[in-house]
């Protein structure tokens, strides 16, 4: 199984609500054709990882996401540096989210509580 990889989108992405050329180029460099994932409505970065990377928008570019509650992943920042992460799968009101957080049980549990409490 290949570890899932995500590319962080530039903070400017949120301001203009369209992909910048720099993001398109970074995505193309890391994107693989053989990526697989269960149906997930939205991926985002949260907690310590969001604070460290400076953006909560990301896109899935490579690897295989399993239909499990928590899975190891890699996040590539705007400088193309890789960071360890974990995907926390959360379903709330029939919508499935993939929340990328720093490794550790406390981050996963905090993300679960925030989403299940309705604060998205």
PDB file of N, CA and C in Angstrom:
ATOM      1  N   UNK A   1       0.844  -1.182   0.000  1.00  0.00           N
ATOM      2  CA  UNK A   1       0.000   0.000   0.000  1.00  0.00           C
ATOM      3  C   UNK A   1       0.888   1.244   0.000  1.00  0.00           C
ATOM      4  N   UNK A   2       0.596   2.158  -0.887  1.00  0.00           N
ATOM      5  CA  UNK A   2       1.331   3.426  -0.939  1.00  0.00           C
ATOM      6  C   UNK A   2       0.725   4.417   0.041  1.00  0.00           C
ATOM      7  N   UNK A   3       1.599   5.109   0.768  1.00  0.00           N
ATOM      8  CA  UNK A   3       1.138   6.125   1.716  1.00  0.00           C
ATOM      9  C   UNK A   3       0.458   7.261   0.956  1.00  0.00           C
ATOM     10  N   UNK A   4      -0.723   7.689   1.382  1.00  0.00           N
ATOM     11  CA  UNK A   4      -1.393   8.818   0.733  1.00  0.00           C
ATOM     12  C   UNK A   4      -0.573  10.099   0.857  1.00  0.00           C
ATOM     13  N   UNK A   5      -0.531  10.871  -0.217  1.00  0.00           N
ATOM     14  CA  UNK A   5       0.168  12.156  -0.211  1.00  0.00           C
ATOM     15  C   UNK A   5      -0.799  13.263  -0.590  1.00  0.00           C
ATOM     16  N   UNK A   6      -0.616  14.391   0.077  1.00  0.00           N
ATOM     17  CA  UNK A   6      -1.432  15.570  -0.163  1.00  0.00           C
ATOM     18  C   UNK A   6      -0.516  16.752  -0.394  1.00  0.00           C
ATOM     19  N   UNK A   7      -0.916  17.661  -1.257  1.00  0.00           N
ATOM     20  CA  UNK A   7      -0.187  18.898  -1.497  1.00  0.00           C
ATOM     21  C   UNK A   7      -0.981  20.035  -0.857  1.00  0.00           C
ATOM     22  N   UNK A   8      -0.286  20.821  -0.019  1.00  0.00           N
ATOM     23  CA  UNK A   8      -0.903  22.005   0.584  1.00  0.00           C
ATOM     24  C   UNK A   8      -1.035  23.067  -0.502  1.00  0.00           C
ATOM     25  N   UNK A   9      -2.167  23.724  -0.555  1.00  0.00           N
ATOM     26  CA  UNK A   9      -2.380  24.804  -1.508  1.00  0.00           C
ATOM     27  C   UNK A   9      -1.982  26.126  -0.872  1.00  0.00           C
ATOM     28  N   UNK A  10      -1.461  27.007  -1.664  1.00  0.00           N
ATOM     29  CA  UNK A  10      -1.022  28.316  -1.174  1.00  0.00           C
ATOM     30  C   UNK A  10      -2.165  29.032  -0.466  1.00  0.00           C
ATOM     31  N   UNK A  11      -1.857  29.771   0.594  1.00  0.00           N
ATOM     32  CA  UNK A  11      -2.913  30.518   1.283  1.00  0.00           C
ATOM     33  C   UNK A  11      -3.681  31.446   0.337  1.00  0.00           C
ATOM     34  N   UNK A  12      -3.045  31.939  -0.708  1.00  0.00           N
ATOM     35  CA  UNK A  12      -3.714  32.806  -1.680  1.00  0.00           C
ATOM     36  C   UNK A  12      -4.862  32.084  -2.378  1.00  0.00           C
ATOM     37  N   UNK A  13      -4.778  30.754  -2.418  1.00  0.00           N
ATOM     38  CA  UNK A  13      -5.828  29.949  -3.045  1.00  0.00           C
ATOM     39  C   UNK A  13      -7.184  30.280  -2.430  1.00  0.00           C
ATOM     40  N   UNK A  14      -7.217  30.459  -1.119  1.00  0.00           N
ATOM     41  CA  UNK A  14      -8.473  30.734  -0.433  1.00  0.00           C
ATOM     42  C   UNK A  14      -8.998  32.117  -0.792  1.00  0.00           C
ATOM     43  N   UNK A  15      -8.118  33.066  -0.974  1.00  0.00           N
ATOM     44  CA  UNK A  15      -8.531  34.434  -1.259  1.00  0.00           C
ATOM     45  C   UNK A  15      -9.159  34.571  -2.635  1.00  0.00           C
ATOM     46  N   UNK A  16      -8.595  33.869  -3.626  1.00  0.00           N
ATOM     47  CA  UNK A  16      -9.048  34.019  -5.003  1.00  0.00           C
ATOM     48  C   UNK A  16     -10.013  32.926  -5.430  1.00  0.00           C
ATOM     49  N   UNK A  17     -10.159  31.899  -4.600  1.00  0.00           N
ATOM     50  CA  UNK A  17     -11.013  30.744  -4.872  1.00  0.00           C
ATOM     51  C   UNK A  17     -10.786  30.147  -6.259  1.00  0.00           C
ATOM     52  N   UNK A  18      -9.543  30.129  -6.675  1.00  0.00           N
ATOM     53  CA  UNK A  18      -9.148  29.404  -7.887  1.00  0.00           C
ATOM     54  C   UNK A  18      -7.689  29.008  -7.713  1.00  0.00           C
ATOM     55  N   UNK A  19      -7.295  27.942  -8.402  1.00  0.00           N
ATOM     56  CA  UNK A  19      -5.917  27.492  -8.263  1.00  0.00           C
ATOM     57  C   UNK A  19      -4.969  28.471  -8.929  1.00  0.00           C
ATOM     58  N   UNK A  20      -3.900  28.782  -8.231  1.00  0.00           N
ATOM     59  CA  UNK A  20      -2.858  29.616  -8.796  1.00  0.00           C
ATOM     60  C   UNK A  20      -1.941  28.743  -9.646  1.00  0.00           C
ATOM     61  N   UNK A  21      -1.253  29.359 -10.607  1.00  0.00           N
ATOM     62  CA  UNK A  21      -0.334  28.602 -11.461  1.00  0.00           C
ATOM     63  C   UNK A  21       0.705  27.858 -10.639  1.00  0.00           C
ATOM     64  N   UNK A  22       1.184  28.465  -9.561  1.00  0.00           N
ATOM     65  CA  UNK A  22       2.191  27.811  -8.726  1.00  0.00           C
ATOM     66  C   UNK A  22       1.615  26.544  -8.092  1.00  0.00           C
ATOM     67  N   UNK A  23       0.364  26.570  -7.665  1.00  0.00           N
ATOM     68  CA  UNK A  23      -0.266  25.378  -7.108  1.00  0.00           C
ATOM     69  C   UNK A  23      -0.452  24.316  -8.182  1.00  0.00           C
ATOM     70  N   UNK A  24      -0.886  24.715  -9.368  1.00  0.00           N
ATOM     71  CA  UNK A  24      -1.068  23.755 -10.459  1.00  0.00           C
ATOM     72  C   UNK A  24       0.242  23.050 -10.777  1.00  0.00           C
ATOM     73  N   UNK A  25       1.328  23.796 -10.793  1.00  0.00           N
ATOM     74  CA  UNK A  25       2.647  23.234 -11.081  1.00  0.00           C
ATOM     75  C   UNK A  25       3.076  22.256  -9.986  1.00  0.00           C
ATOM     76  N   UNK A  26       2.871  22.627  -8.733  1.00  0.00           N
ATOM     77  CA  UNK A  26       3.232  21.747  -7.616  1.00  0.00           C
ATOM     78  C   UNK A  26       2.391  20.484  -7.617  1.00  0.00           C
ATOM     79  N   UNK A  27       1.116  20.615  -7.875  1.00  0.00           N
ATOM     80  CA  UNK A  27       0.236  19.446  -7.932  1.00  0.00           C
ATOM     81  C   UNK A  27       0.701  18.505  -9.034  1.00  0.00           C
ATOM     82  N   UNK A  28       0.986  19.039 -10.213  1.00  0.00           N
ATOM     83  CA  UNK A  28       1.417  18.219 -11.350  1.00  0.00           C
ATOM     84  C   UNK A  28       2.714  17.468 -11.033  1.00  0.00           C
ATOM     85  N   UNK A  29       3.632  18.087 -10.293  1.00  0.00           N
ATOM     86  CA  UNK A  29       4.901  17.429  -9.943  1.00  0.00           C
ATOM     87  C   UNK A  29       4.698  16.218  -9.051  1.00  0.00           C
ATOM     88  N   UNK A  30       3.701  16.244  -8.198  1.00  0.00           N
ATOM     89  CA  UNK A  30       3.509  15.179  -7.210  1.00  0.00           C
ATOM     90  C   UNK A  30       2.367  14.219  -7.554  1.00  0.00           C
ATOM     91  N   UNK A  31       1.527  14.579  -8.492  1.00  0.00           N
ATOM     92  CA  UNK A  31       0.340  13.786  -8.800  1.00  0.00           C
ATOM     93  C   UNK A  31       0.702  12.460  -9.468  1.00  0.00           C
ATOM     94  N   UNK A  32       0.015  11.398  -9.048  1.00  0.00           N
ATOM     95  CA  UNK A  32       0.173  10.075  -9.640  1.00  0.00           C
ATOM     96  C   UNK A  32      -1.187   9.594 -10.113  1.00  0.00           C
ATOM     97  N   UNK A  33      -1.175   8.821 -11.199  1.00  0.00           N
ATOM     98  CA  UNK A  33      -2.429   8.334 -11.779  1.00  0.00           C
ATOM     99  C   UNK A  33      -3.089   7.230 -10.963  1.00  0.00           C
ATOM    100  N   UNK A  34      -2.302   6.489 -10.191  1.00  0.00           N
ATOM    101  CA  UNK A  34      -2.856   5.318  -9.510  1.00  0.00           C
ATOM    102  C   UNK A  34      -3.346   5.599  -8.087  1.00  0.00           C
ATOM    103  N   UNK A  35      -3.802   6.808  -7.812  1.00  0.00           N
ATOM    104  CA  UNK A  35      -4.298   7.109  -6.467  1.00  0.00           C
ATOM    105  C   UNK A  35      -5.732   6.583  -6.315  1.00  0.00           C
ATOM    106  N   UNK A  36      -6.031   6.092  -5.115  1.00  0.00           N
ATOM    107  CA  UNK A  36      -7.364   5.561  -4.842  1.00  0.00           C
ATOM    108  C   UNK A  36      -7.853   6.081  -3.495  1.00  0.00           C
ATOM    109  N   UNK A  37      -9.162   6.253  -3.400  1.00  0.00           N
ATOM    110  CA  UNK A  37      -9.752   6.789  -2.188  1.00  0.00           C
ATOM    111  C   UNK A  37     -11.231   6.417  -2.125  1.00  0.00           C
ATOM    112  N   UNK A  38     -11.733   6.138  -0.904  1.00  0.00           N
ATOM    113  CA  UNK A  38     -13.193   6.015  -0.769  1.00  0.00           C
ATOM    114  C   UNK A  38     -13.816   7.397  -0.993  1.00  0.00           C
ATOM    115  N   UNK A  39     -15.110   7.456  -1.140  1.00  0.00           N
ATOM    116  CA  UNK A  39     -15.781   8.735  -1.381  1.00  0.00           C
ATOM    117  C   UNK A  39     -15.673   9.629  -0.138  1.00  0.00           C
ATOM    118  N   UNK A  40     -15.013  10.766  -0.324  1.00  0.00           N
ATOM    119  CA  UNK A  40     -14.812  11.731   0.761  1.00  0.00           C
ATOM    120  C   UNK A  40     -15.207  13.100   0.221  1.00  0.00           C
ATOM    121  N   UNK A  41     -16.066  13.807   0.942  1.00  0.00           N
ATOM    122  CA  UNK A  41     -16.575  15.097   0.478  1.00  0.00           C
ATOM    123  C   UNK A  41     -15.517  16.187   0.500  1.00  0.00           C
ATOM    124  N   UNK A  42     -14.664  16.181   1.530  1.00  0.00           N
ATOM    125  CA  UNK A  42     -13.689  17.267   1.670  1.00  0.00           C
ATOM    126  C   UNK A  42     -12.509  16.801   2.489  1.00  0.00           C
ATOM    127  N   UNK A  43     -11.325  17.217   2.065  1.00  0.00           N
ATOM    128  CA  UNK A  43     -10.107  17.044   2.855  1.00  0.00           C
ATOM    129  C   UNK A  43      -9.692  18.412   3.358  1.00  0.00           C
ATOM    130  N   UNK A  44      -9.178  18.466   4.566  1.00  0.00           N
ATOM    131  CA  UNK A  44      -8.635  19.713   5.073  1.00  0.00           C
ATOM    132  C   UNK A  44      -7.592  19.399   6.129  1.00  0.00           C
ATOM    133  N   UNK A  45      -6.775  20.385   6.453  1.00  0.00           N
ATOM    134  CA  UNK A  45      -5.716  20.258   7.445  1.00  0.00           C
ATOM    135  C   UNK A  45      -6.172  20.990   8.702  1.00  0.00           C
ATOM    136  N   UNK A  46      -5.872  20.420   9.873  1.00  0.00           N
ATOM    137  CA  UNK A  46      -6.361  21.007  11.114  1.00  0.00           C
ATOM    138  C   UNK A  46      -5.307  20.931  12.217  1.00  0.00           C
ATOM    139  N   UNK A  47      -5.524  21.702  13.246  1.00  0.00           N
ATOM    140  CA  UNK A  47      -4.717  21.634  14.458  1.00  0.00           C
ATOM    141  C   UNK A  47      -3.283  22.100  14.279  1.00  0.00           C
ATOM    142  N   UNK A  48      -2.363  21.387  14.943  1.00  0.00           N
ATOM    143  CA  UNK A  48      -0.944  21.744  14.914  1.00  0.00           C
ATOM    144  C   UNK A  48      -0.396  21.763  13.491  1.00  0.00           C
ATOM    145  N   UNK A  49      -0.850  20.827  12.668  1.00  0.00           N
ATOM    146  CA  UNK A  49      -0.370  20.751  11.284  1.00  0.00           C
ATOM    147  C   UNK A  49      -0.799  21.986  10.496  1.00  0.00           C
ATOM    148  N   UNK A  50      -2.036  22.414  10.675  1.00  0.00           N
ATOM    149  CA  UNK A  50      -2.536  23.637  10.029  1.00  0.00           C
ATOM    150  C   UNK A  50      -1.709  24.840  10.483  1.00  0.00           C
ATOM    151  N   UNK A  51      -1.448  24.945  11.773  1.00  0.00           N
ATOM    152  CA  UNK A  51      -0.649  26.058  12.295  1.00  0.00           C
ATOM    153  C   UNK A  51       0.760  26.055  11.716  1.00  0.00           C
ATOM    154  N   UNK A  52       1.353  24.881  11.588  1.00  0.00           N
ATOM    155  CA  UNK A  52       2.716  24.772  11.079  1.00  0.00           C
ATOM    156  C   UNK A  52       2.795  25.082   9.575  1.00  0.00           C
ATOM    157  N   UNK A  53       1.799  24.618   8.806  1.00  0.00           N
ATOM    158  CA  UNK A  53       1.834  24.763   7.352  1.00  0.00           C
ATOM    159  C   UNK A  53       1.226  26.068   6.855  1.00  0.00           C
ATOM    160  N   UNK A  54       0.375  26.685   7.652  1.00  0.00           N
ATOM    161  CA  UNK A  54      -0.182  27.986   7.294  1.00  0.00           C
ATOM    162  C   UNK A  54      -1.330  27.958   6.315  1.00  0.00           C
ATOM    163  N   UNK A  55      -1.866  26.792   6.040  1.00  0.00           N
ATOM    164  CA  UNK A  55      -3.025  26.690   5.142  1.00  0.00           C
ATOM    165  C   UNK A  55      -3.775  25.413   5.481  1.00  0.00           C
ATOM    166  N   UNK A  56      -5.091  25.466   5.407  1.00  0.00           N
ATOM    167  CA  UNK A  56      -5.852  24.244   5.679  1.00  0.00           C
ATOM    168  C   UNK A  56      -6.427  23.620   4.409  1.00  0.00           C
ATOM    169  N   UNK A  57      -6.110  24.193   3.254  1.00  0.00           N
ATOM    170  CA  UNK A  57      -6.563  23.630   1.981  1.00  0.00           C
ATOM    171  C   UNK A  57      -5.495  22.720   1.403  1.00  0.00           C
ATOM    172  N   UNK A  58      -5.922  21.557   0.934  1.00  0.00           N
ATOM    173  CA  UNK A  58      -4.989  20.606   0.355  1.00  0.00           C
ATOM    174  C   UNK A  58      -5.700  19.813  -0.734  1.00  0.00           C
ATOM    175  N   UNK A  59      -4.907  19.079  -1.509  1.00  0.00           N
ATOM    176  CA  UNK A  59      -5.473  18.201  -2.522  1.00  0.00           C
ATOM    177  C   UNK A  59      -4.749  16.870  -2.483  1.00  0.00           C
ATOM    178  N   UNK A  60      -5.488  15.793  -2.677  1.00  0.00           N
ATOM    179  CA  UNK A  60      -4.968  14.429  -2.666  1.00  0.00           C
ATOM    180  C   UNK A  60      -4.279  14.178  -4.003  1.00  0.00           C
ATOM    181  N   UNK A  61      -2.991  13.781  -3.978  1.00  0.00           N
ATOM    182  CA  UNK A  61      -2.238  13.633  -5.228  1.00  0.00           C
ATOM    183  C   UNK A  61      -1.680  12.242  -5.477  1.00  0.00           C
ATOM    184  N   UNK A  62      -1.523  11.417  -4.452  1.00  0.00           N
ATOM    185  CA  UNK A  62      -0.896  10.110  -4.673  1.00  0.00           C
ATOM    186  C   UNK A  62      -1.217   9.153  -3.536  1.00  0.00           C
ATOM    187  N   UNK A  63      -1.077   7.861  -3.820  1.00  0.00           N
ATOM    188  CA  UNK A  63      -1.223   6.839  -2.797  1.00  0.00           C
ATOM    189  C   UNK A  63      -2.610   6.245  -2.722  1.00  0.00           C
ATOM    190  N   UNK A  64      -2.830   5.534  -1.622  1.00  0.00           N
ATOM    191  CA  UNK A  64      -4.095   4.832  -1.425  1.00  0.00           C
ATOM    192  C   UNK A  64      -4.667   5.154  -0.057  1.00  0.00           C
ATOM    193  N   UNK A  65      -5.890   5.659  -0.044  1.00  0.00           N
ATOM    194  CA  UNK A  65      -6.576   5.944   1.213  1.00  0.00           C
ATOM    195  C   UNK A  65      -7.517   4.779   1.499  1.00  0.00           C
ATOM    196  N   UNK A  66      -7.322   4.171   2.638  1.00  0.00           N
ATOM    197  CA  UNK A  66      -8.165   3.049   3.052  1.00  0.00           C
ATOM    198  C   UNK A  66      -9.399   3.572   3.780  1.00  0.00           C
ATOM    199  N   UNK A  67     -10.431   2.769   3.820  1.00  0.00           N
ATOM    200  CA  UNK A  67     -11.652   3.128   4.530  1.00  0.00           C
ATOM    201  C   UNK A  67     -11.504   2.689   5.995  1.00  0.00           C
ATOM    202  N   UNK A  68     -10.622   3.393   6.709  1.00  0.00           N
ATOM    203  CA  UNK A  68     -10.333   3.112   8.118  1.00  0.00           C
ATOM    204  C   UNK A  68     -10.413   4.424   8.898  1.00  0.00           C
ATOM    205  N   UNK A  69     -10.604   4.360  10.213  1.00  0.00           N
ATOM    206  CA  UNK A  69     -10.750   5.598  10.991  1.00  0.00           C
ATOM    207  C   UNK A  69      -9.524   6.514  10.974  1.00  0.00           C
ATOM    208  N   UNK A  70      -8.308   5.926  11.045  1.00  0.00           N
ATOM    209  CA  UNK A  70      -7.081   6.722  11.077  1.00  0.00           C
ATOM    210  C   UNK A  70      -6.032   6.026  10.217  1.00  0.00           C
ATOM    211  N   UNK A  71      -5.314   6.815   9.423  1.00  0.00           N
ATOM    212  CA  UNK A  71      -4.291   6.263   8.535  1.00  0.00           C
ATOM    213  C   UNK A  71      -3.123   7.232   8.413  1.00  0.00           C
ATOM    214  N   UNK A  72      -1.935   6.693   8.337  1.00  0.00           N
ATOM    215  CA  UNK A  72      -0.723   7.499   8.136  1.00  0.00           C
ATOM    216  C   UNK A  72      -0.767   8.155   6.759  1.00  0.00           C
ATOM    217  N   UNK A  73      -0.214   9.387   6.667  1.00  0.00           N
ATOM    218  CA  UNK A  73      -0.190  10.117   5.399  1.00  0.00           C
ATOM    219  C   UNK A  73       1.022  11.050   5.373  1.00  0.00           C
ATOM    220  N   UNK A  74       1.241  11.650   4.216  1.00  0.00           N
ATOM    221  CA  UNK A  74       2.303  12.644   4.039  1.00  0.00           C
ATOM    222  C   UNK A  74       1.683  13.896   3.445  1.00  0.00           C
ATOM    223  N   UNK A  75       2.099  15.058   3.962  1.00  0.00           N
ATOM    224  CA  UNK A  75       1.640  16.340   3.441  1.00  0.00           C
ATOM    225  C   UNK A  75       2.859  17.082   2.906  1.00  0.00           C
ATOM    226  N   UNK A  76       2.737  17.622   1.696  1.00  0.00           N
ATOM    227  CA  UNK A  76       3.825  18.361   1.063  1.00  0.00           C
ATOM    228  C   UNK A  76       3.495  19.843   1.140  1.00  0.00           C
ATOM    229  N   UNK A  77       4.380  20.609   1.794  1.00  0.00           N
ATOM    230  CA  UNK A  77       4.109  22.031   2.007  1.00  0.00           C
ATOM    231  C   UNK A  77       4.422  22.866   0.762  1.00  0.00           C
ATOM    232  N   UNK A  78       4.234  24.164   0.847  1.00  0.00           N
ATOM    233  CA  UNK A  78       4.412  25.054  -0.311  1.00  0.00           C
ATOM    234  C   UNK A  78       5.869  25.147  -0.760  1.00  0.00           C
ATOM    235  N   UNK A  79       6.810  24.658   0.077  1.00  0.00           N
ATOM    236  CA  UNK A  79       8.225  24.621  -0.295  1.00  0.00           C
ATOM    237  C   UNK A  79       8.667  23.226  -0.713  1.00  0.00           C
ATOM    238  N   UNK A  80       7.699  22.336  -0.978  1.00  0.00           N
ATOM    239  CA  UNK A  80       7.929  20.945  -1.387  1.00  0.00           C
ATOM    240  C   UNK A  80       8.618  20.093  -0.322  1.00  0.00           C
ATOM    241  N   UNK A  81       8.489  20.466   0.932  1.00  0.00           N
ATOM    242  CA  UNK A  81       9.018  19.656   2.025  1.00  0.00           C
ATOM    243  C   UNK A  81       7.906  18.736   2.523  1.00  0.00           C
ATOM    244  N   UNK A  82       8.265  17.461   2.762  1.00  0.00           N
ATOM    245  CA  UNK A  82       7.281  16.483   3.231  1.00  0.00           C
ATOM    246  C   UNK A  82       7.185  16.493   4.754  1.00  0.00           C
ATOM    247  N   UNK A  83       5.948  16.321   5.254  1.00  0.00           N
ATOM    248  CA  UNK A  83       5.673  16.275   6.683  1.00  0.00           C
ATOM    249  C   UNK A  83       4.807  15.049   6.975  1.00  0.00           C
ATOM    250  N   UNK A  84       5.113  14.363   8.078  1.00  0.00           N
ATOM    251  CA  UNK A  84       4.282  13.241   8.505  1.00  0.00           C
ATOM    252  C   UNK A  84       2.941  13.776   8.982  1.00  0.00           C
ATOM    253  N   UNK A  85       1.907  13.012   8.697  1.00  0.00           N
ATOM    254  CA  UNK A  85       0.551  13.390   9.109  1.00  0.00           C
ATOM    255  C   UNK A  85      -0.259  12.117   9.291  1.00  0.00           C
ATOM    256  N   UNK A  86      -1.485  12.299   9.697  1.00  0.00           N
ATOM    257  CA  UNK A  86      -2.433  11.192   9.713  1.00  0.00           C
ATOM    258  C   UNK A  86      -3.778  11.702   9.237  1.00  0.00           C
ATOM    259  N   UNK A  87      -4.488  10.822   8.539  1.00  0.00           N
ATOM    260  CA  UNK A  87      -5.838  11.145   8.066  1.00  0.00           C
ATOM    261  C   UNK A  87      -6.815  10.597   9.092  1.00  0.00           C
ATOM    262  N   UNK A  88      -7.689  11.440   9.559  1.00  0.00           N
ATOM    263  CA  UNK A  88      -8.761  11.013  10.458  1.00  0.00           C
ATOM    264  C   UNK A  88     -10.047  11.082   9.634  1.00  0.00           C
ATOM    265  N   UNK A  89     -10.680   9.941   9.447  1.00  0.00           N
ATOM    266  CA  UNK A  89     -11.933   9.890   8.686  1.00  0.00           C
ATOM    267  C   UNK A  89     -13.087  10.135   9.649  1.00  0.00           C
ATOM    268  N   UNK A  90     -13.930  11.071   9.304  1.00  0.00           N
ATOM    269  CA  UNK A  90     -15.043  11.448  10.164  1.00  0.00           C
ATOM    270  C   UNK A  90     -16.295  11.580   9.319  1.00  0.00           C
ATOM    271  N   UNK A  91     -17.370  10.971   9.792  1.00  0.00           N
ATOM    272  CA  UNK A  91     -18.648  11.126   9.108  1.00  0.00           C
ATOM    273  C   UNK A  91     -19.584  11.885  10.035  1.00  0.00           C
ATOM    274  N   UNK A  92     -20.162  12.962   9.502  1.00  0.00           N
ATOM    275  CA  UNK A  92     -21.063  13.797  10.283  1.00  0.00           C
ATOM    276  C   UNK A  92     -22.231  14.194   9.385  1.00  0.00           C
ATOM    277  N   UNK A  93     -23.436  13.860   9.804  1.00  0.00           N
ATOM    278  CA  UNK A  93     -24.645  14.184   9.038  1.00  0.00           C
ATOM    279  C   UNK A  93     -24.549  13.653   7.611  1.00  0.00           C
ATOM    280  N   UNK A  94     -24.117  12.391   7.487  1.00  0.00           N
ATOM    281  CA  UNK A  94     -23.993  11.684   6.207  1.00  0.00           C
ATOM    282  C   UNK A  94     -22.985  12.301   5.248  1.00  0.00           C
ATOM    283  N   UNK A  95     -22.070  13.111   5.767  1.00  0.00           N
ATOM    284  CA  UNK A  95     -20.991  13.677   4.950  1.00  0.00           C
ATOM    285  C   UNK A  95     -19.678  13.168   5.524  1.00  0.00           C
ATOM    286  N   UNK A  96     -18.805  12.649   4.653  1.00  0.00           N
ATOM    287  CA  UNK A  96     -17.523  12.115   5.096  1.00  0.00           C
ATOM    288  C   UNK A  96     -16.413  13.124   4.830  1.00  0.00           C
ATOM    289  N   UNK A  97     -15.630  13.370   5.868  1.00  0.00           N
ATOM    290  CA  UNK A  97     -14.496  14.293   5.797  1.00  0.00           C
ATOM    291  C   UNK A  97     -13.208  13.528   6.047  1.00  0.00           C
ATOM    292  N   UNK A  98     -12.142  13.987   5.434  1.00  0.00           N
ATOM    293  CA  UNK A  98     -10.806  13.503   5.720  1.00  0.00           C
ATOM    294  C   UNK A  98     -10.048  14.661   6.343  1.00  0.00           C
ATOM    295  N   UNK A  99      -9.709  14.528   7.599  1.00  0.00           N
ATOM    296  CA  UNK A  99      -9.026  15.595   8.322  1.00  0.00           C
ATOM    297  C   UNK A  99      -7.569  15.190   8.500  1.00  0.00           C
ATOM    298  N   UNK A 100      -6.646  16.004   7.980  1.00  0.00           N
ATOM    299  CA  UNK A 100      -5.221  15.735   8.128  1.00  0.00           C
ATOM    300  C   UNK A 100      -4.710  16.454   9.367  1.00  0.00           C
ATOM    301  N   UNK A 101      -4.120  15.685  10.278  1.00  0.00           N
ATOM    302  CA  UNK A 101      -3.596  16.247  11.516  1.00  0.00           C
ATOM    303  C   UNK A 101      -2.194  15.709  11.767  1.00  0.00           C
ATOM    304  N   UNK A 102      -1.484  16.338  12.708  1.00  0.00           N
ATOM    305  CA  UNK A 102      -0.168  15.856  13.116  1.00  0.00           C
ATOM    306  C   UNK A 102      -0.315  14.470  13.735  1.00  0.00           C
ATOM    307  N   UNK A 103       0.708  13.625  13.600  1.00  0.00           N
ATOM    308  CA  UNK A 103       0.633  12.295  14.208  1.00  0.00           C
ATOM    309  C   UNK A 103       0.405  12.379  15.715  1.00  0.00           C
ATOM    310  N   UNK A 104      -0.381  11.465  16.236  1.00  0.00           N
ATOM    311  CA  UNK A 104      -0.647  11.411  17.678  1.00  0.00           C
ATOM    312  C   UNK A 104      -2.122  11.274  17.968  1.00  0.00           C
ATOM    313  N   UNK A 105      -2.429  10.486  18.973  1.00  0.00           N
ATOM    314  CA  UNK A 105      -3.821  10.214  19.340  1.00  0.00           C
ATOM    315  C   UNK A 105      -4.582  11.470  19.743  1.00  0.00           C
ATOM    316  N   UNK A 106      -3.903  12.402  20.450  1.00  0.00           N
ATOM    317  CA  UNK A 106      -4.618  13.579  20.937  1.00  0.00           C
ATOM    318  C   UNK A 106      -5.095  14.477  19.792  1.00  0.00           C
ATOM    319  N   UNK A 107      -4.302  14.610  18.732  1.00  0.00           N
ATOM    320  CA  UNK A 107      -4.713  15.417  17.572  1.00  0.00           C
ATOM    321  C   UNK A 107      -5.892  14.767  16.854  1.00  0.00           C
ATOM    322  N   UNK A 108      -5.831  13.451  16.693  1.00  0.00           N
ATOM    323  CA  UNK A 108      -6.919  12.729  16.029  1.00  0.00           C
ATOM    324  C   UNK A 108      -8.214  12.862  16.826  1.00  0.00           C
ATOM    325  N   UNK A 109      -8.122  12.687  18.129  1.00  0.00           N
ATOM    326  CA  UNK A 109      -9.317  12.773  18.972  1.00  0.00           C
ATOM    327  C   UNK A 109      -9.887  14.187  18.991  1.00  0.00           C
ATOM    328  N   UNK A 110      -9.014  15.195  19.055  1.00  0.00           N
ATOM    329  CA  UNK A 110      -9.473  16.584  19.042  1.00  0.00           C
ATOM    330  C   UNK A 110     -10.217  16.891  17.746  1.00  0.00           C
ATOM    331  N   UNK A 111      -9.667  16.454  16.609  1.00  0.00           N
ATOM    332  CA  UNK A 111     -10.313  16.681  15.312  1.00  0.00           C
ATOM    333  C   UNK A 111     -11.681  16.000  15.269  1.00  0.00           C
ATOM    334  N   UNK A 112     -11.737  14.786  15.785  1.00  0.00           N
ATOM    335  CA  UNK A 112     -13.009  14.051  15.818  1.00  0.00           C
ATOM    336  C   UNK A 112     -14.048  14.812  16.637  1.00  0.00           C
ATOM    337  N   UNK A 113     -13.658  15.296  17.797  1.00  0.00           N
ATOM    338  CA  UNK A 113     -14.586  16.016  18.673  1.00  0.00           C
ATOM    339  C   UNK A 113     -15.086  17.312  18.034  1.00  0.00           C
ATOM    340  N   UNK A 114     -14.184  18.046  17.374  1.00  0.00           N
ATOM    341  CA  UNK A 114     -14.573  19.298  16.720  1.00  0.00           C
ATOM    342  C   UNK A 114     -15.602  19.027  15.639  1.00  0.00           C
ATOM    343  N   UNK A 115     -15.341  18.041  14.797  1.00  0.00           N
ATOM    344  CA  UNK A 115     -16.257  17.747  13.698  1.00  0.00           C
ATOM    345  C   UNK A 115     -17.572  17.160  14.158  1.00  0.00           C
ATOM    346  N   UNK A 116     -17.520  16.267  15.105  1.00  0.00           N
ATOM    347  CA  UNK A 116     -18.751  15.661  15.578  1.00  0.00           C
ATOM    348  C   UNK A 116     -19.584  16.630  16.406  1.00  0.00           C
ATOM    349  N   UNK A 117     -18.913  17.667  16.937  1.00  0.00           N
ATOM    350  CA  UNK A 117     -19.630  18.695  17.672  1.00  0.00           C
ATOM    351  C   UNK A 117     -20.280  19.718  16.755  1.00  0.00           C
ATOM    352  N   UNK A 118     -20.006  19.587  15.445  1.00  0.00           N
ATOM    353  CA  UNK A 118     -20.641  20.474  14.478  1.00  0.00           C
ATOM    354  C   UNK A 118     -19.844  21.700  14.111  1.00  0.00           C
ATOM    355  N   UNK A 119     -18.638  21.878  14.632  1.00  0.00           N
ATOM    356  CA  UNK A 119     -17.833  23.060  14.323  1.00  0.00           C
ATOM    357  C   UNK A 119     -16.896  22.776  13.163  1.00  0.00           C
ATOM    358  N   UNK A 120     -17.314  23.063  11.977  1.00  0.00           N
ATOM    359  CA  UNK A 120     -16.452  22.855  10.818  1.00  0.00           C
ATOM    360  C   UNK A 120     -16.143  24.172  10.163  1.00  0.00           C
TER     361      UNK A 120
END
